[in-house]
Amino acid sequence: MDFNIAEYIRFISLAIVPFMFAITVHEFSHGMSAYLLGDDTAKRAGRLTLNPIAHIDLFGLLFLIITRLFGWAKPVPVNYANLYRKTRYGPAIVAVAGPASNLALAIVSAVALRLMYNIEVQADGLAYKILVPLAGMLKLSVSINLALFIFNLIPIPPLDGGRIVTNFLPYDKAVKFAAIERYGFIIILVLFLTRAIDYILMPVMNFFMNILL
């Protein structure tokens, strides 16, 4: 397939805003859920904010530009000892908050997109020129947020899914499972390089896309 630079630039220009919003809300949700459970580490680090500058990871942004699917932000710092004082399942609650926020954003974006399709405008008017790129952003918002939702629930530390599994395991098994985290990035990289990630993401993404869009 020939590389179309114009189409690529158009994608990046439409995707950058929904991507930044998606990762910002994701990390903010982690920080806020931890704060509500008694840990103010994220707040003291200046991460309990919806300002994307506080969360952006340049490598994660570059990954979006390369893969045209998703990237990541800087992880919000959490003191898990503080969470355990509130509830045994504090780490799992904090972990699931991020992906849950992305699913919520995907649903909101899909609803907004459907409402937009009902707006009648002239094809050569100003409203049309505004609504077309906005609709493109909303559609990308659905796919980006669904990708983040599904990917982060894969049970591989340090992904959110791995932290959820760790929290529900007996202590001795949790320690062994958490040790996988040192190889987590390598495992994820192999999944991408071998395209095995497609067999995990795409069936679930298509399922949700068919429902939402």
Protein backbone atom coordinates (compact mmCIF):
# COMPACT_ATOMS: atom_id res chain seq x y z
CA MET A 1 0.00 0.00 0.00
CA ASP A 2 1.39 3.42 -1.00
CA PHE A 3 1.99 5.88 1.80
CA ASN A 4 -0.25 8.93 1.41
CA ILE A 5 1.41 11.85 3.18
CA ALA A 6 -1.64 14.09 2.83
CA GLU A 7 -3.92 11.47 4.39
CA TYR A 8 -1.38 10.86 7.14
CA ILE A 9 -1.14 14.57 8.02
CA ARG A 10 -4.94 14.79 8.00
CA PHE A 11 -5.15 11.85 10.41
CA ILE A 12 -2.60 13.34 12.83
CA SER A 13 -4.31 16.74 12.76
CA LEU A 14 -7.65 15.14 13.62
CA ALA A 15 -6.31 12.59 16.11
CA ILE A 16 -4.08 14.74 18.28
CA VAL A 17 -6.89 16.48 20.20
CA PRO A 18 -8.97 13.36 21.03
CA PHE A 19 -5.77 11.48 21.88
CA MET A 20 -4.54 14.16 24.27
CA PHE A 21 -7.96 14.37 25.90
CA ALA A 22 -8.20 10.57 26.18
CA ILE A 23 -4.86 10.08 27.94
CA THR A 24 -5.38 13.15 30.13
CA VAL A 25 -8.75 11.92 31.39
CA HIS A 26 -7.30 8.42 31.80
CA GLU A 27 -4.47 9.58 34.07
CA PHE A 28 -6.64 12.11 35.88
CA SER A 29 -9.10 9.30 36.68
CA HIS A 30 -6.30 7.22 38.18
CA GLY A 31 -5.17 10.16 40.29
CA MET A 32 -8.65 11.20 41.39
CA SER A 33 -9.68 7.67 42.38
CA ALA A 34 -6.47 7.32 44.41
CA TYR A 35 -7.13 10.72 46.02
CA LEU A 36 -10.66 9.68 46.97
CA LEU A 37 -9.20 6.55 48.56
CA GLY A 38 -6.83 8.57 50.72
CA ASP A 39 -3.68 8.92 48.61
CA ASP A 40 -2.69 12.48 47.66
CA THR A 41 0.57 11.52 45.89
CA ALA A 42 -0.78 12.51 42.46
CA LYS A 43 -2.07 15.82 43.81
CA ARG A 44 1.26 16.68 45.42
CA ALA A 45 3.00 15.81 42.14
CA GLY A 46 0.76 18.23 40.24
CA ARG A 47 -0.89 15.41 38.32
CA LEU A 48 -4.43 15.81 39.63
CA THR A 49 -5.27 18.08 36.72
CA LEU A 50 -6.91 18.03 33.30
CA ASN A 51 -4.02 20.00 31.83
CA PRO A 52 -2.55 17.64 29.18
CA ILE A 53 0.93 19.15 29.55
CA ALA A 54 1.18 17.57 33.01
CA HIS A 55 0.51 14.09 31.60
CA ILE A 56 2.06 13.99 28.13
CA ASP A 57 4.79 11.46 27.41
CA LEU A 58 6.73 12.33 24.25
CA PHE A 59 7.51 8.67 23.49
CA GLY A 60 3.86 7.75 23.94
CA LEU A 61 2.86 10.58 21.61
CA LEU A 62 5.42 9.39 19.06
CA PHE A 63 3.94 5.89 19.31
CA LEU A 64 0.55 7.31 18.31
CA ILE A 65 2.10 9.07 15.33
CA ILE A 66 3.75 5.82 14.21
CA THR A 67 0.97 3.32 14.91
CA ARG A 68 -1.96 5.64 14.18
CA LEU A 69 -3.93 3.78 16.85
CA PHE A 70 -2.89 4.81 20.35
CA GLY A 71 -0.08 5.86 22.66
CA TRP A 72 0.25 6.57 26.35
CA ALA A 73 0.87 9.23 28.97
CA LYS A 74 3.19 9.44 31.98
CA PRO A 75 1.81 7.13 34.70
CA VAL A 76 0.29 8.94 37.66
CA PRO A 77 2.28 8.24 40.86
CA VAL A 78 0.33 6.28 43.47
CA ASN A 79 1.28 5.18 46.99
CA TYR A 80 -0.47 1.83 47.24
CA ALA A 81 0.13 1.62 50.98
CA ASN A 82 -2.29 4.51 51.43
CA LEU A 83 -4.91 2.72 49.34
CA TYR A 84 -4.76 -0.44 51.43
CA ARG A 85 -5.64 1.58 54.52
CA LYS A 86 -8.99 2.35 52.90
CA THR A 87 -9.79 -0.96 51.22
CA ARG A 88 -8.09 -4.21 50.25
CA TYR A 89 -9.07 -3.60 46.64
CA GLY A 90 -7.87 -0.01 46.43
CA PRO A 91 -5.20 -0.74 43.78
CA ALA A 92 -7.75 -2.52 41.58
CA ILE A 93 -10.19 0.39 41.90
CA VAL A 94 -7.50 2.89 40.92
CA ALA A 95 -6.35 0.68 38.05
CA VAL A 96 -9.81 0.19 36.57
CA ALA A 97 -10.65 3.90 36.81
CA GLY A 98 -8.44 4.75 33.82
CA PRO A 99 -9.86 2.26 31.29
CA ALA A 100 -13.38 2.93 32.59
CA SER A 101 -12.94 6.63 31.84
CA ASN A 102 -11.89 5.78 28.27
CA LEU A 103 -14.96 3.60 27.76
CA ALA A 104 -17.12 6.46 29.05
CA LEU A 105 -15.43 8.90 26.65
CA ALA A 106 -15.97 6.50 23.74
CA ILE A 107 -19.69 6.30 24.55
CA VAL A 108 -20.03 10.08 24.92
CA SER A 109 -18.17 10.64 21.65
CA ALA A 110 -20.37 8.12 19.84
CA VAL A 111 -23.55 9.75 21.15
CA ALA A 112 -22.30 13.20 20.11
CA LEU A 113 -21.41 11.85 16.66
CA ARG A 114 -24.87 10.34 16.19
CA LEU A 115 -26.50 13.62 17.19
CA MET A 116 -24.26 15.47 14.75
CA TYR A 117 -25.36 13.23 11.87
CA ASN A 118 -28.91 14.53 12.40
CA ILE A 119 -27.86 18.14 11.82
CA GLU A 120 -28.77 19.35 8.34
CA VAL A 121 -26.36 21.89 6.85
CA GLN A 122 -25.50 23.10 3.37
CA ALA A 123 -22.56 21.28 1.82
CA ASP A 124 -20.83 24.53 0.90
CA GLY A 125 -21.61 26.43 4.10
CA LEU A 126 -19.41 27.37 7.04
CA ALA A 127 -21.24 25.00 9.40
CA TYR A 128 -20.41 22.07 7.09
CA LYS A 129 -16.72 23.00 7.04
CA ILE A 130 -16.72 23.01 10.84
CA LEU A 131 -18.83 19.90 11.40
CA VAL A 132 -16.93 17.61 9.00
CA PRO A 133 -13.56 17.77 10.84
CA LEU A 134 -15.37 17.75 14.18
CA ALA A 135 -17.16 14.56 13.16
CA GLY A 136 -13.79 13.10 12.18
CA MET A 137 -12.39 13.94 15.61
CA LEU A 138 -15.37 12.36 17.34
CA LYS A 139 -15.05 9.16 15.31
CA LEU A 140 -11.35 8.99 16.12
CA SER A 141 -12.19 9.70 19.75
CA VAL A 142 -14.36 6.59 19.77
CA SER A 143 -11.64 4.37 18.29
CA ILE A 144 -8.77 5.84 20.34
CA ASN A 145 -10.66 5.54 23.62
CA LEU A 146 -11.79 2.00 22.82
CA ALA A 147 -8.20 1.05 21.98
CA LEU A 148 -6.99 2.50 25.29
CA PHE A 149 -9.83 0.81 27.17
CA ILE A 150 -9.12 -2.65 25.74
CA PHE A 151 -5.33 -2.42 25.63
CA ASN A 152 -4.97 -1.25 29.23
CA LEU A 153 -7.10 -4.16 30.47
CA ILE A 154 -4.69 -6.74 29.03
CA PRO A 155 -3.45 -8.63 32.13
CA ILE A 156 0.24 -7.79 31.71
CA PRO A 157 1.99 -5.67 34.34
CA PRO A 158 2.43 -2.68 34.30
CA LEU A 159 -0.82 -2.30 32.34
CA ASP A 160 -3.94 -1.63 34.38
CA GLY A 161 -5.20 -5.15 33.71
CA GLY A 162 -2.02 -6.54 35.25
CA ARG A 163 -2.46 -4.44 38.38
CA ILE A 164 -6.08 -5.56 38.71
CA VAL A 165 -5.07 -9.24 38.50
CA THR A 166 -2.25 -8.69 40.98
CA ASN A 167 -4.64 -7.12 43.49
CA PHE A 168 -6.92 -10.16 43.46
CA LEU A 169 -4.20 -12.81 43.78
CA PRO A 170 -3.01 -14.28 47.09
CA TYR A 171 0.09 -12.45 48.33
CA ASP A 172 2.69 -15.05 47.30
CA LYS A 173 1.23 -15.42 43.80
CA ALA A 174 0.78 -11.64 43.49
CA VAL A 175 4.50 -11.10 44.18
CA LYS A 176 5.47 -13.60 41.47
CA PHE A 177 2.99 -12.17 38.98
CA ALA A 178 4.06 -8.58 39.67
CA ALA A 179 7.66 -9.60 38.91
CA ILE A 180 6.62 -9.88 35.25
CA GLU A 181 6.52 -6.07 35.17
CA ARG A 182 10.26 -5.88 34.52
CA TYR A 183 9.60 -7.65 31.21
CA GLY A 184 6.26 -5.94 30.55
CA PHE A 185 7.47 -3.47 27.95
CA ILE A 186 9.34 -6.20 26.05
CA ILE A 187 6.23 -8.41 26.01
CA ILE A 188 4.09 -5.52 24.75
CA LEU A 189 6.67 -4.63 22.10
CA VAL A 190 6.72 -8.23 20.86
CA LEU A 191 2.93 -8.22 20.66
CA PHE A 192 3.10 -5.17 18.40
CA LEU A 193 6.01 -6.31 16.25
CA THR A 194 4.40 -9.71 15.60
CA ARG A 195 0.97 -8.10 15.07
CA ALA A 196 -0.38 -10.47 17.71
CA ILE A 197 -1.91 -7.41 19.38
CA ASP A 198 -4.34 -7.20 16.44
CA TYR A 199 -5.90 -10.53 17.44
CA ILE A 200 -6.49 -9.14 20.93
CA LEU A 201 -7.65 -5.62 20.12
CA MET A 202 -9.51 -5.80 16.83
CA PRO A 203 -12.27 -8.35 17.62
CA VAL A 204 -13.23 -6.49 20.81
CA MET A 205 -12.88 -3.09 19.13
CA ASN A 206 -15.08 -4.16 16.21
CA PHE A 207 -17.67 -5.47 18.68
CA PHE A 208 -17.88 -2.12 20.49
CA MET A 209 -17.64 -0.07 17.28
CA ASN A 210 -20.62 -1.93 15.83
CA ILE A 211 -22.62 -1.16 18.95
CA LEU A 212 -21.60 2.48 19.28
CA LEU A 213 -21.46 3.52 15.62
